[in-house]
Amino acid sequence: MTESVRILLVEDQSIARLALHTIIDPRPDMKIVAETGRGDEAAPLYQQHRPDVVIMDLRLPGQSGFEAITAIRKQNSAARILVLTNYEGSEDVHRALQSGAMAYLTKDAGKEELIQAILAVSRGKRFLPASVGALLAERPPGMELTEREHEVLRLLAKGASNRVVAESLRISENTARIHVTHILQKLGVEDRTQAVITAIQRGIVHVD
């Protein structure tokens, strides 16, 4: 008999964790060896348990899923991570894969699809459903924002003016204006409102 796939579950919603236990626990070929609801606890638990697969949400307290993936991959560049999230933007998919995830599923995925994804990732294979691949294909080329532009965009999403952006980031108002111009160009939009709408739709920023 082959050994069970050992899984670390990183998910902050107790109902979602319970649902995953309901799917995984009855299977002899899979076992949840550790779990946490916080992103900043993912890497220490990975170090402790060395699971075969990590199932990772992206929206987590303490540290985002993207940051947790990066932290785990710093420990082990061959870590096998499956993202399971409600985030459905093309930029979310891109960032997760760039961070090192091998699979990306949204939480409306079916039971069998989840099982297939876990098994595929445990064997070192990438798993992207057609719907997720289509999202990734929608992402325009050459639209990489710098970390500073991400910071500016998050402030714009909160309704900040150039002056407020400048004060918040401790830069000049002219520099803030230049960052906004670059953001508009990269997103292919004409004004700040369109930039924010586009950024939310693509998952570049998230509004709680």
N, C-alpha and C. Protein backbone atom coordinates (compact mmCIF):
# COMPACT_ATOMS: atom_id res chain seq x y z
N MET A 1 0.85 -1.20 0.00
CA MET A 1 0.00 0.00 0.00
C MET A 1 0.88 1.25 0.00
N THR A 2 0.59 2.19 -0.87
CA THR A 2 1.38 3.42 -0.94
C THR A 2 1.08 4.31 0.26
N GLU A 3 2.06 5.15 0.61
CA GLU A 3 1.88 6.05 1.73
C GLU A 3 0.88 7.14 1.39
N SER A 4 0.20 7.65 2.42
CA SER A 4 -0.77 8.72 2.21
C SER A 4 -0.07 10.02 1.86
N VAL A 5 -0.74 10.85 1.07
CA VAL A 5 -0.25 12.20 0.79
C VAL A 5 -0.47 13.03 2.05
N ARG A 6 0.60 13.56 2.60
CA ARG A 6 0.54 14.33 3.84
C ARG A 6 0.27 15.79 3.51
N ILE A 7 -0.76 16.38 4.11
CA ILE A 7 -1.25 17.70 3.71
C ILE A 7 -1.19 18.68 4.88
N LEU A 8 -0.70 19.88 4.58
CA LEU A 8 -0.81 21.02 5.50
C LEU A 8 -1.92 21.91 4.98
N LEU A 9 -2.90 22.20 5.83
CA LEU A 9 -4.06 23.00 5.44
C LEU A 9 -3.94 24.40 6.04
N VAL A 10 -3.93 25.41 5.17
CA VAL A 10 -3.84 26.80 5.62
C VAL A 10 -5.10 27.52 5.15
N GLU A 11 -6.05 27.65 6.05
CA GLU A 11 -7.39 28.17 5.72
C GLU A 11 -7.99 28.78 6.98
N ASP A 12 -8.42 30.05 6.89
CA ASP A 12 -8.89 30.73 8.09
C ASP A 12 -10.37 30.50 8.40
N GLN A 13 -11.14 29.98 7.47
CA GLN A 13 -12.57 29.76 7.71
C GLN A 13 -12.80 28.35 8.24
N SER A 14 -13.35 28.27 9.43
CA SER A 14 -13.54 26.96 10.07
C SER A 14 -14.47 26.07 9.26
N ILE A 15 -15.49 26.65 8.63
CA ILE A 15 -16.41 25.85 7.83
C ILE A 15 -15.70 25.26 6.62
N ALA A 16 -14.83 26.05 6.00
CA ALA A 16 -14.07 25.55 4.86
C ALA A 16 -13.12 24.43 5.28
N ARG A 17 -12.48 24.59 6.45
CA ARG A 17 -11.59 23.53 6.95
C ARG A 17 -12.38 22.25 7.21
N LEU A 18 -13.56 22.42 7.81
CA LEU A 18 -14.41 21.25 8.08
C LEU A 18 -14.79 20.55 6.77
N ALA A 19 -15.13 21.33 5.76
CA ALA A 19 -15.51 20.75 4.47
C ALA A 19 -14.34 19.97 3.86
N LEU A 20 -13.13 20.51 4.00
CA LEU A 20 -11.96 19.82 3.46
C LEU A 20 -11.68 18.54 4.23
N HIS A 21 -11.85 18.57 5.55
CA HIS A 21 -11.71 17.35 6.34
C HIS A 21 -12.72 16.29 5.89
N THR A 22 -13.94 16.73 5.61
CA THR A 22 -14.99 15.80 5.18
C THR A 22 -14.60 15.11 3.89
N ILE A 23 -13.92 15.84 3.01
CA ILE A 23 -13.50 15.27 1.73
C ILE A 23 -12.25 14.40 1.87
N ILE A 24 -11.30 14.86 2.66
CA ILE A 24 -9.98 14.21 2.71
C ILE A 24 -9.90 13.09 3.74
N ASP A 25 -10.47 13.28 4.93
CA ASP A 25 -10.29 12.31 6.02
C ASP A 25 -10.70 10.88 5.68
N PRO A 26 -11.79 10.66 4.93
CA PRO A 26 -12.19 9.27 4.65
C PRO A 26 -11.24 8.56 3.67
N ARG A 27 -10.36 9.27 3.02
CA ARG A 27 -9.52 8.67 1.98
C ARG A 27 -8.26 8.06 2.61
N PRO A 28 -7.94 6.82 2.25
CA PRO A 28 -6.74 6.19 2.79
C PRO A 28 -5.46 6.72 2.16
N ASP A 29 -5.60 7.44 1.03
CA ASP A 29 -4.40 7.91 0.32
C ASP A 29 -4.04 9.36 0.64
N MET A 30 -4.75 9.97 1.62
CA MET A 30 -4.49 11.36 1.99
C MET A 30 -4.67 11.55 3.48
N LYS A 31 -3.91 12.48 4.05
CA LYS A 31 -4.01 12.74 5.48
C LYS A 31 -3.62 14.18 5.79
N ILE A 32 -4.48 14.92 6.49
CA ILE A 32 -4.15 16.27 6.95
C ILE A 32 -3.31 16.13 8.22
N VAL A 33 -2.05 16.53 8.14
CA VAL A 33 -1.14 16.36 9.27
C VAL A 33 -1.03 17.61 10.14
N ALA A 34 -1.44 18.76 9.60
CA ALA A 34 -1.41 20.00 10.37
C ALA A 34 -2.30 21.01 9.69
N GLU A 35 -2.77 21.98 10.46
CA GLU A 35 -3.61 23.03 9.89
C GLU A 35 -3.49 24.31 10.70
N THR A 36 -3.77 25.42 10.03
CA THR A 36 -3.75 26.72 10.69
C THR A 36 -4.68 27.67 9.95
N GLY A 37 -5.14 28.69 10.68
CA GLY A 37 -5.97 29.71 10.07
C GLY A 37 -5.21 30.99 9.83
N ARG A 38 -3.89 30.98 10.04
CA ARG A 38 -3.07 32.19 9.90
C ARG A 38 -1.95 31.98 8.88
N GLY A 39 -1.77 33.00 8.05
CA GLY A 39 -0.73 32.91 7.05
C GLY A 39 0.67 32.87 7.63
N ASP A 40 0.90 33.62 8.72
CA ASP A 40 2.23 33.68 9.30
C ASP A 40 2.62 32.41 10.06
N GLU A 41 1.67 31.48 10.21
CA GLU A 41 1.99 30.21 10.86
C GLU A 41 2.27 29.11 9.84
N ALA A 42 2.07 29.41 8.56
CA ALA A 42 2.21 28.39 7.52
C ALA A 42 3.65 27.89 7.39
N ALA A 43 4.60 28.81 7.27
CA ALA A 43 6.00 28.41 7.07
C ALA A 43 6.55 27.64 8.27
N PRO A 44 6.31 28.09 9.53
CA PRO A 44 6.78 27.29 10.66
C PRO A 44 6.19 25.89 10.70
N LEU A 45 4.90 25.77 10.37
CA LEU A 45 4.27 24.45 10.35
C LEU A 45 4.83 23.59 9.21
N TYR A 46 5.13 24.23 8.10
CA TYR A 46 5.75 23.48 6.99
C TYR A 46 7.11 22.95 7.44
N GLN A 47 7.89 23.79 8.09
CA GLN A 47 9.21 23.39 8.58
C GLN A 47 9.09 22.21 9.55
N GLN A 48 8.07 22.25 10.39
CA GLN A 48 7.89 21.22 11.40
C GLN A 48 7.43 19.89 10.82
N HIS A 49 6.47 19.93 9.89
CA HIS A 49 5.83 18.70 9.42
C HIS A 49 6.30 18.22 8.04
N ARG A 50 6.90 19.09 7.25
CA ARG A 50 7.36 18.74 5.91
C ARG A 50 6.29 17.95 5.13
N PRO A 51 5.12 18.56 4.92
CA PRO A 51 4.04 17.86 4.21
C PRO A 51 4.37 17.67 2.73
N ASP A 52 3.63 16.77 2.09
CA ASP A 52 3.79 16.56 0.65
C ASP A 52 3.10 17.66 -0.15
N VAL A 53 1.99 18.16 0.39
CA VAL A 53 1.19 19.18 -0.30
C VAL A 53 0.70 20.20 0.73
N VAL A 54 0.72 21.47 0.34
CA VAL A 54 0.11 22.54 1.14
C VAL A 54 -1.13 23.03 0.41
N ILE A 55 -2.27 23.04 1.08
CA ILE A 55 -3.47 23.66 0.52
C ILE A 55 -3.58 25.04 1.15
N MET A 56 -3.51 26.07 0.32
CA MET A 56 -3.34 27.44 0.79
C MET A 56 -4.44 28.37 0.30
N ASP A 57 -5.11 29.03 1.25
CA ASP A 57 -6.00 30.13 0.90
C ASP A 57 -5.13 31.36 0.65
N LEU A 58 -5.67 32.39 0.04
CA LEU A 58 -4.90 33.60 -0.21
C LEU A 58 -5.24 34.72 0.76
N ARG A 59 -6.47 34.75 1.21
CA ARG A 59 -6.90 35.79 2.16
C ARG A 59 -6.80 35.24 3.57
N LEU A 60 -5.76 35.66 4.28
CA LEU A 60 -5.48 35.10 5.60
C LEU A 60 -5.05 36.21 6.56
N PRO A 61 -5.33 36.06 7.84
CA PRO A 61 -4.81 37.02 8.82
C PRO A 61 -3.33 36.76 9.09
N GLY A 62 -2.63 37.79 9.50
CA GLY A 62 -1.23 37.65 9.84
C GLY A 62 -0.29 37.81 8.68
N GLN A 63 -0.64 37.21 7.57
CA GLN A 63 0.19 37.24 6.37
C GLN A 63 -0.67 36.74 5.22
N SER A 64 -0.54 37.35 4.06
CA SER A 64 -1.36 36.90 2.93
C SER A 64 -0.87 35.54 2.44
N GLY A 65 -1.73 34.86 1.69
CA GLY A 65 -1.34 33.59 1.11
C GLY A 65 -0.15 33.73 0.19
N PHE A 66 -0.09 34.83 -0.55
CA PHE A 66 1.05 35.06 -1.44
C PHE A 66 2.36 35.10 -0.64
N GLU A 67 2.33 35.83 0.47
CA GLU A 67 3.52 35.95 1.32
C GLU A 67 3.86 34.61 1.97
N ALA A 68 2.84 33.86 2.37
CA ALA A 68 3.07 32.56 2.98
C ALA A 68 3.70 31.58 1.99
N ILE A 69 3.23 31.62 0.75
CA ILE A 69 3.82 30.76 -0.29
C ILE A 69 5.29 31.10 -0.46
N THR A 70 5.61 32.39 -0.54
CA THR A 70 7.00 32.82 -0.69
C THR A 70 7.85 32.35 0.47
N ALA A 71 7.31 32.47 1.69
CA ALA A 71 8.05 32.07 2.89
C ALA A 71 8.34 30.57 2.89
N ILE A 72 7.36 29.78 2.49
CA ILE A 72 7.55 28.33 2.42
C ILE A 72 8.57 27.97 1.35
N ARG A 73 8.47 28.63 0.21
CA ARG A 73 9.39 28.33 -0.89
C ARG A 73 10.83 28.75 -0.56
N LYS A 74 11.00 29.70 0.35
CA LYS A 74 12.35 30.05 0.79
C LYS A 74 12.96 28.91 1.60
N GLN A 75 12.11 28.19 2.33
CA GLN A 75 12.57 27.02 3.08
C GLN A 75 12.88 25.86 2.15
N ASN A 76 11.99 25.68 1.18
CA ASN A 76 12.11 24.54 0.26
C ASN A 76 11.59 24.95 -1.10
N SER A 77 12.49 25.15 -2.04
CA SER A 77 12.09 25.61 -3.38
C SER A 77 11.27 24.57 -4.13
N ALA A 78 11.25 23.35 -3.63
CA ALA A 78 10.47 22.29 -4.28
C ALA A 78 9.13 22.04 -3.58
N ALA A 79 8.77 22.92 -2.64
CA ALA A 79 7.49 22.77 -1.93
C ALA A 79 6.34 22.74 -2.92
N ARG A 80 5.39 21.87 -2.66
CA ARG A 80 4.25 21.67 -3.57
C ARG A 80 3.00 22.29 -2.96
N ILE A 81 2.54 23.36 -3.58
CA ILE A 81 1.48 24.19 -2.99
C ILE A 81 0.29 24.29 -3.94
N LEU A 82 -0.87 24.04 -3.39
CA LEU A 82 -2.14 24.15 -4.12
C LEU A 82 -2.93 25.31 -3.53
N VAL A 83 -3.26 26.29 -4.34
CA VAL A 83 -4.06 27.42 -3.87
C VAL A 83 -5.55 27.09 -4.02
N LEU A 84 -6.30 27.30 -2.94
CA LEU A 84 -7.75 27.11 -2.95
C LEU A 84 -8.35 28.37 -2.35
N THR A 85 -9.02 29.18 -3.18
CA THR A 85 -9.38 30.53 -2.74
C THR A 85 -10.66 31.02 -3.41
N ASN A 86 -11.19 32.11 -2.88
CA ASN A 86 -12.31 32.79 -3.52
C ASN A 86 -11.84 33.84 -4.52
N TYR A 87 -10.56 34.17 -4.50
CA TYR A 87 -10.02 35.18 -5.41
C TYR A 87 -10.06 34.65 -6.84
N GLU A 88 -10.67 35.42 -7.74
CA GLU A 88 -10.86 34.95 -9.11
C GLU A 88 -10.30 35.90 -10.16
N GLY A 89 -9.40 36.80 -9.77
CA GLY A 89 -8.83 37.74 -10.72
C GLY A 89 -7.63 37.15 -11.45
N SER A 90 -7.39 37.62 -12.67
CA SER A 90 -6.26 37.12 -13.44
C SER A 90 -4.94 37.42 -12.75
N GLU A 91 -4.87 38.57 -12.06
CA GLU A 91 -3.63 38.92 -11.37
C GLU A 91 -3.40 38.02 -10.16
N ASP A 92 -4.49 37.58 -9.51
CA ASP A 92 -4.36 36.65 -8.39
C ASP A 92 -3.71 35.35 -8.86
N VAL A 93 -4.19 34.83 -9.98
CA VAL A 93 -3.64 33.59 -10.53
C VAL A 93 -2.16 33.78 -10.87
N HIS A 94 -1.88 34.89 -11.56
CA HIS A 94 -0.50 35.17 -11.96
C HIS A 94 0.42 35.28 -10.75
N ARG A 95 0.01 36.03 -9.74
CA ARG A 95 0.85 36.22 -8.55
C ARG A 95 1.07 34.91 -7.80
N ALA A 96 0.02 34.10 -7.71
CA ALA A 96 0.14 32.83 -6.99
C ALA A 96 1.13 31.91 -7.70
N LEU A 97 1.03 31.82 -9.01
CA LEU A 97 1.94 30.96 -9.77
C LEU A 97 3.35 31.52 -9.74
N GLN A 98 3.48 32.84 -9.81
CA GLN A 98 4.80 33.46 -9.73
C GLN A 98 5.43 33.22 -8.37
N SER A 99 4.60 33.17 -7.33
CA SER A 99 5.11 32.94 -5.98
C SER A 99 5.58 31.50 -5.80
N GLY A 100 5.04 30.59 -6.63
CA GLY A 100 5.48 29.20 -6.55
C GLY A 100 4.37 28.17 -6.42
N ALA A 101 3.11 28.58 -6.48
CA ALA A 101 2.01 27.61 -6.42
C ALA A 101 2.01 26.74 -7.68
N MET A 102 1.62 25.47 -7.52
CA MET A 102 1.58 24.54 -8.64
C MET A 102 0.17 24.31 -9.15
N ALA A 103 -0.81 24.71 -8.35
CA ALA A 103 -2.21 24.52 -8.75
C ALA A 103 -3.03 25.68 -8.20
N TYR A 104 -4.12 25.97 -8.88
CA TYR A 104 -4.98 27.08 -8.47
C TYR A 104 -6.43 26.67 -8.70
N LEU A 105 -7.18 26.58 -7.61
CA LEU A 105 -8.60 26.26 -7.68
C LEU A 105 -9.39 27.33 -6.94
N THR A 106 -10.57 27.63 -7.44
CA THR A 106 -11.48 28.48 -6.69
C THR A 106 -12.37 27.58 -5.83
N LYS A 107 -12.96 28.17 -4.80
CA LYS A 107 -13.67 27.37 -3.81
C LYS A 107 -14.99 26.78 -4.30
N ASP A 108 -15.37 27.11 -5.53
CA ASP A 108 -16.55 26.45 -6.09
C ASP A 108 -16.16 25.19 -6.87
N ALA A 109 -14.90 24.79 -6.79
CA ALA A 109 -14.44 23.57 -7.45
C ALA A 109 -15.14 22.36 -6.84
N GLY A 110 -15.37 21.36 -7.66
CA GLY A 110 -16.02 20.14 -7.18
C GLY A 110 -15.06 19.24 -6.41
N LYS A 111 -15.62 18.29 -5.69
CA LYS A 111 -14.84 17.36 -4.87
C LYS A 111 -13.82 16.60 -5.71
N GLU A 112 -14.25 16.05 -6.83
CA GLU A 112 -13.35 15.24 -7.66
C GLU A 112 -12.22 16.09 -8.24
N GLU A 113 -12.53 17.33 -8.60
CA GLU A 113 -11.50 18.21 -9.15
C GLU A 113 -10.45 18.51 -8.08
N LEU A 114 -10.90 18.72 -6.85
CA LEU A 114 -9.96 18.97 -5.76
C LEU A 114 -9.06 17.76 -5.53
N ILE A 115 -9.64 16.58 -5.51
CA ILE A 115 -8.86 15.36 -5.32
C ILE A 115 -7.83 15.20 -6.43
N GLN A 116 -8.25 15.43 -7.67
CA GLN A 116 -7.32 15.35 -8.81
C GLN A 116 -6.18 16.34 -8.65
N ALA A 117 -6.51 17.55 -8.19
CA ALA A 117 -5.49 18.58 -8.02
C ALA A 117 -4.48 18.18 -6.95
N ILE A 118 -4.96 17.67 -5.82
CA ILE A 118 -4.07 17.25 -4.73
C ILE A 118 -3.13 16.15 -5.21
N LEU A 119 -3.68 15.17 -5.89
CA LEU A 119 -2.86 14.06 -6.37
C LEU A 119 -1.84 14.53 -7.41
N ALA A 120 -2.28 15.41 -8.31
CA ALA A 120 -1.37 15.93 -9.33
C ALA A 120 -0.21 16.69 -8.69
N VAL A 121 -0.53 17.58 -7.76
CA VAL A 121 0.51 18.38 -7.10
C VAL A 121 1.45 17.48 -6.30
N SER A 122 0.91 16.45 -5.66
CA SER A 122 1.75 15.54 -4.87
C SER A 122 2.77 14.83 -5.75
N ARG A 123 2.46 14.72 -7.04
CA ARG A 123 3.38 14.08 -7.99
C ARG A 123 4.27 15.09 -8.70
N GLY A 124 4.16 16.35 -8.27
CA GLY A 124 5.00 17.38 -8.85
C GLY A 124 4.48 17.95 -10.16
N LYS A 125 3.19 17.77 -10.42
CA LYS A 125 2.60 18.26 -11.66
C LYS A 125 1.74 19.50 -11.40
N ARG A 126 1.71 20.39 -12.38
CA ARG A 126 0.86 21.58 -12.28
C ARG A 126 -0.58 21.21 -12.60
N PHE A 127 -1.53 21.86 -11.92
CA PHE A 127 -2.94 21.60 -12.16
C PHE A 127 -3.68 22.93 -12.26
N LEU A 128 -4.14 23.25 -13.46
CA LEU A 128 -4.91 24.48 -13.70
C LEU A 128 -6.17 24.13 -14.49
N PRO A 129 -7.35 24.24 -13.89
CA PRO A 129 -8.57 24.00 -14.64
C PRO A 129 -8.68 24.96 -15.82
N ALA A 130 -9.48 24.59 -16.81
CA ALA A 130 -9.62 25.41 -18.01
C ALA A 130 -10.09 26.83 -17.67
N SER A 131 -10.98 26.95 -16.69
CA SER A 131 -11.51 28.27 -16.32
C SER A 131 -10.40 29.16 -15.76
N VAL A 132 -9.48 28.57 -15.00
CA VAL A 132 -8.37 29.33 -14.43
C VAL A 132 -7.36 29.68 -15.51
N GLY A 133 -7.13 28.75 -16.43
CA GLY A 133 -6.24 29.03 -17.55
C GLY A 133 -6.77 30.17 -18.41
N ALA A 134 -8.09 30.21 -18.57
CA ALA A 134 -8.70 31.29 -19.36
C ALA A 134 -8.52 32.64 -18.66
N LEU A 135 -8.63 32.64 -17.33
CA LEU A 135 -8.39 33.87 -16.57
C LEU A 135 -6.97 34.36 -16.78
N LEU A 136 -6.03 33.44 -16.72
CA LEU A 136 -4.63 33.79 -16.88
C LEU A 136 -4.37 34.35 -18.28
N ALA A 137 -5.05 33.78 -19.27
CA ALA A 137 -4.87 34.23 -20.65
C ALA A 137 -5.41 35.64 -20.86
N GLU A 138 -6.36 36.06 -20.01
CA GLU A 138 -6.94 37.39 -20.13
C GLU A 138 -6.00 38.48 -19.64
N ARG A 139 -4.99 38.07 -18.89
CA ARG A 139 -4.08 39.06 -18.31
C ARG A 139 -3.22 39.69 -19.40
N PRO A 140 -3.32 41.01 -19.59
CA PRO A 140 -2.56 41.67 -20.64
C PRO A 140 -1.06 41.55 -20.41
N PRO A 141 -0.27 41.35 -21.46
CA PRO A 141 1.18 41.29 -21.30
C PRO A 141 1.76 42.67 -20.98
N GLY A 142 2.90 42.68 -20.34
CA GLY A 142 3.61 43.94 -20.09
C GLY A 142 2.94 44.87 -19.11
N MET A 143 2.13 44.32 -18.19
CA MET A 143 1.42 45.20 -17.25
C MET A 143 1.96 45.07 -15.82
N GLU A 144 3.18 44.57 -15.68
CA GLU A 144 3.74 44.41 -14.35
C GLU A 144 3.87 45.76 -13.63
N LEU A 145 3.24 45.85 -12.47
CA LEU A 145 3.35 47.05 -11.66
C LEU A 145 4.50 46.88 -10.67
N THR A 146 5.20 47.97 -10.38
CA THR A 146 6.23 47.92 -9.36
C THR A 146 5.57 47.85 -7.99
N GLU A 147 6.36 47.53 -6.96
CA GLU A 147 5.82 47.47 -5.61
C GLU A 147 5.29 48.84 -5.19
N ARG A 148 5.98 49.90 -5.57
CA ARG A 148 5.53 51.25 -5.25
C ARG A 148 4.21 51.56 -5.95
N GLU A 149 4.07 51.13 -7.20
CA GLU A 149 2.82 51.35 -7.92
C GLU A 149 1.68 50.58 -7.29
N HIS A 150 1.97 49.39 -6.77
CA HIS A 150 0.95 48.63 -6.03
C HIS A 150 0.50 49.42 -4.80
N GLU A 151 1.45 50.02 -4.11
CA GLU A 151 1.12 50.81 -2.92
C GLU A 151 0.25 52.00 -3.29
N VAL A 152 0.60 52.69 -4.37
CA VAL A 152 -0.17 53.84 -4.83
C VAL A 152 -1.58 53.40 -5.21
N LEU A 153 -1.68 52.28 -5.92
CA LEU A 153 -2.98 51.79 -6.39
C LEU A 153 -3.88 51.41 -5.22
N ARG A 154 -3.30 50.83 -4.19
CA ARG A 154 -4.10 50.49 -3.01
C ARG A 154 -4.65 51.75 -2.35
N LEU A 155 -3.86 52.81 -2.35
CA LEU A 155 -4.33 54.08 -1.78
C LEU A 155 -5.41 54.71 -2.67
N LEU A 156 -5.23 54.60 -3.98
CA LEU A 156 -6.25 55.12 -4.89
C LEU A 156 -7.58 54.40 -4.68
N ALA A 157 -7.50 53.10 -4.41
CA ALA A 157 -8.72 52.32 -4.19
C ALA A 157 -9.46 52.78 -2.94
N LYS A 158 -8.73 53.43 -2.03
CA LYS A 158 -9.34 53.97 -0.81
C LYS A 158 -9.79 55.42 -1.01
N GLY A 159 -9.65 55.92 -2.24
CA GLY A 159 -10.11 57.27 -2.55
C GLY A 159 -9.09 58.36 -2.29
N ALA A 160 -7.82 58.00 -2.12
CA ALA A 160 -6.79 58.98 -1.80
C ALA A 160 -6.47 59.88 -2.99
N SER A 161 -6.28 61.16 -2.73
CA SER A 161 -5.83 62.11 -3.74
C SER A 161 -4.31 61.99 -3.90
N ASN A 162 -3.76 62.66 -4.91
CA ASN A 162 -2.30 62.66 -5.08
C ASN A 162 -1.60 63.19 -3.84
N ARG A 163 -2.18 64.20 -3.22
CA ARG A 163 -1.58 64.79 -2.02
C ARG A 163 -1.55 63.77 -0.88
N VAL A 164 -2.67 63.05 -0.70
CA VAL A 164 -2.74 62.05 0.36
C VAL A 164 -1.79 60.89 0.06
N VAL A 165 -1.70 60.50 -1.21
CA VAL A 165 -0.76 59.45 -1.61
C VAL A 165 0.66 59.88 -1.25
N ALA A 166 1.00 61.11 -1.61
CA ALA A 166 2.33 61.63 -1.35
C ALA A 166 2.64 61.64 0.15
N GLU A 167 1.69 62.10 0.95
CA GLU A 167 1.90 62.16 2.39
C GLU A 167 2.02 60.75 2.99
N SER A 168 1.20 59.84 2.52
CA SER A 168 1.21 58.48 3.06
C SER A 168 2.51 57.75 2.75
N LEU A 169 3.04 57.98 1.55
CA LEU A 169 4.25 57.28 1.13
C LEU A 169 5.52 58.10 1.32
N ARG A 170 5.33 59.33 1.83
CA ARG A 170 6.46 60.23 2.07
C ARG A 170 7.26 60.49 0.79
N ILE A 171 6.52 60.83 -0.24
CA ILE A 171 7.12 61.21 -1.52
C ILE A 171 6.53 62.56 -1.91
N SER A 172 7.09 63.18 -2.95
CA SER A 172 6.54 64.46 -3.39
C SER A 172 5.24 64.23 -4.14
N GLU A 173 4.43 65.28 -4.19
CA GLU A 173 3.15 65.16 -4.91
C GLU A 173 3.39 64.93 -6.40
N ASN A 174 4.45 65.51 -6.94
CA ASN A 174 4.77 65.31 -8.34
C ASN A 174 5.15 63.85 -8.62
N THR A 175 5.90 63.25 -7.69
CA THR A 175 6.26 61.84 -7.84
C THR A 175 5.02 60.97 -7.78
N ALA A 176 4.10 61.31 -6.88
CA ALA A 176 2.84 60.56 -6.79
C ALA A 176 2.07 60.66 -8.10
N ARG A 177 2.07 61.86 -8.69
CA ARG A 177 1.37 62.07 -9.96
C ARG A 177 2.00 61.22 -11.07
N ILE A 178 3.31 61.13 -11.07
CA ILE A 178 4.01 60.31 -12.07
C ILE A 178 3.66 58.84 -11.91
N HIS A 179 3.61 58.36 -10.66
CA HIS A 179 3.23 56.96 -10.40
C HIS A 179 1.82 56.69 -10.92
N VAL A 180 0.90 57.62 -10.67
CA VAL A 180 -0.48 57.44 -11.14
C VAL A 180 -0.52 57.37 -12.66
N THR A 181 0.25 58.23 -13.32
CA THR A 181 0.30 58.21 -14.79
C THR A 181 0.79 56.86 -15.31
N HIS A 182 1.83 56.33 -14.69
CA HIS A 182 2.37 55.03 -15.10
C HIS A 182 1.35 53.92 -14.88
N ILE A 183 0.62 54.00 -13.78
CA ILE A 183 -0.42 53.00 -13.51
C ILE A 183 -1.49 53.01 -14.58
N LEU A 184 -1.95 54.20 -14.94
CA LEU A 184 -2.98 54.32 -15.98
C LEU A 184 -2.48 53.73 -17.29
N GLN A 185 -1.24 54.01 -17.63
CA GLN A 185 -0.68 53.50 -18.87
C GLN A 185 -0.60 51.98 -18.87
N LYS A 186 -0.13 51.42 -17.76
CA LYS A 186 0.03 49.96 -17.69
C LYS A 186 -1.31 49.23 -17.68
N LEU A 187 -2.30 49.84 -17.08
CA LEU A 187 -3.62 49.20 -17.04
C LEU A 187 -4.45 49.50 -18.28
N GLY A 188 -3.98 50.42 -19.10
CA GLY A 188 -4.69 50.76 -20.33
C GLY A 188 -6.00 51.47 -20.09
N VAL A 189 -6.02 52.35 -19.08
CA VAL A 189 -7.24 53.09 -18.74
C VAL A 189 -6.95 54.59 -18.78
N GLU A 190 -8.03 55.39 -18.70
CA GLU A 190 -7.88 56.83 -18.89
C GLU A 190 -7.93 57.64 -17.61
N ASP A 191 -8.51 57.07 -16.55
CA ASP A 191 -8.59 57.86 -15.31
C ASP A 191 -8.48 56.96 -14.08
N ARG A 192 -8.41 57.61 -12.95
CA ARG A 192 -8.20 56.90 -11.69
C ARG A 192 -9.34 55.94 -11.36
N THR A 193 -10.57 56.37 -11.63
CA THR A 193 -11.72 55.51 -11.34
C THR A 193 -11.65 54.22 -12.13
N GLN A 194 -11.35 54.34 -13.44
CA GLN A 194 -11.22 53.15 -14.27
C GLN A 194 -10.07 52.28 -13.79
N ALA A 195 -9.00 52.91 -13.32
CA ALA A 195 -7.84 52.16 -12.82
C ALA A 195 -8.25 51.31 -11.63
N VAL A 196 -8.99 51.89 -10.71
CA VAL A 196 -9.41 51.17 -9.51
C VAL A 196 -10.36 50.03 -9.89
N ILE A 197 -11.33 50.30 -10.75
CA ILE A 197 -12.28 49.27 -11.17
C ILE A 197 -11.55 48.11 -11.84
N THR A 198 -10.64 48.43 -12.75
CA THR A 198 -9.87 47.41 -13.46
C THR A 198 -9.01 46.62 -12.49
N ALA A 199 -8.38 47.30 -11.54
CA ALA A 199 -7.51 46.64 -10.57
C ALA A 199 -8.30 45.66 -9.70
N ILE A 200 -9.51 46.04 -9.32
CA ILE A 200 -10.35 45.15 -8.50
C ILE A 200 -10.80 43.95 -9.33
N GLN A 201 -11.21 44.19 -10.57
CA GLN A 201 -11.67 43.10 -11.42
C GLN A 201 -10.57 42.08 -11.68
N ARG A 202 -9.34 42.54 -11.83
CA ARG A 202 -8.23 41.64 -12.13
C ARG A 202 -7.57 41.07 -10.88
N GLY A 203 -8.00 41.53 -9.73
CA GLY A 203 -7.43 41.01 -8.49
C GLY A 203 -6.10 41.64 -8.12
N ILE A 204 -5.82 42.81 -8.69
CA ILE A 204 -4.57 43.49 -8.36
C ILE A 204 -4.68 44.09 -6.96
N VAL A 205 -5.86 44.61 -6.63
CA VAL A 205 -6.14 45.06 -5.26
C VAL A 205 -7.46 44.43 -4.84
N HIS A 206 -7.64 44.32 -3.54
CA HIS A 206 -8.87 43.76 -2.99
C HIS A 206 -9.46 44.73 -1.98
N VAL A 207 -10.75 44.93 -2.10
CA VAL A 207 -11.45 45.84 -1.20
C VAL A 207 -12.32 45.01 -0.27
N ASP A 208 -12.07 45.12 1.03
CA ASP A 208 -12.86 44.35 2.00
C ASP A 208 -14.27 44.92 2.13
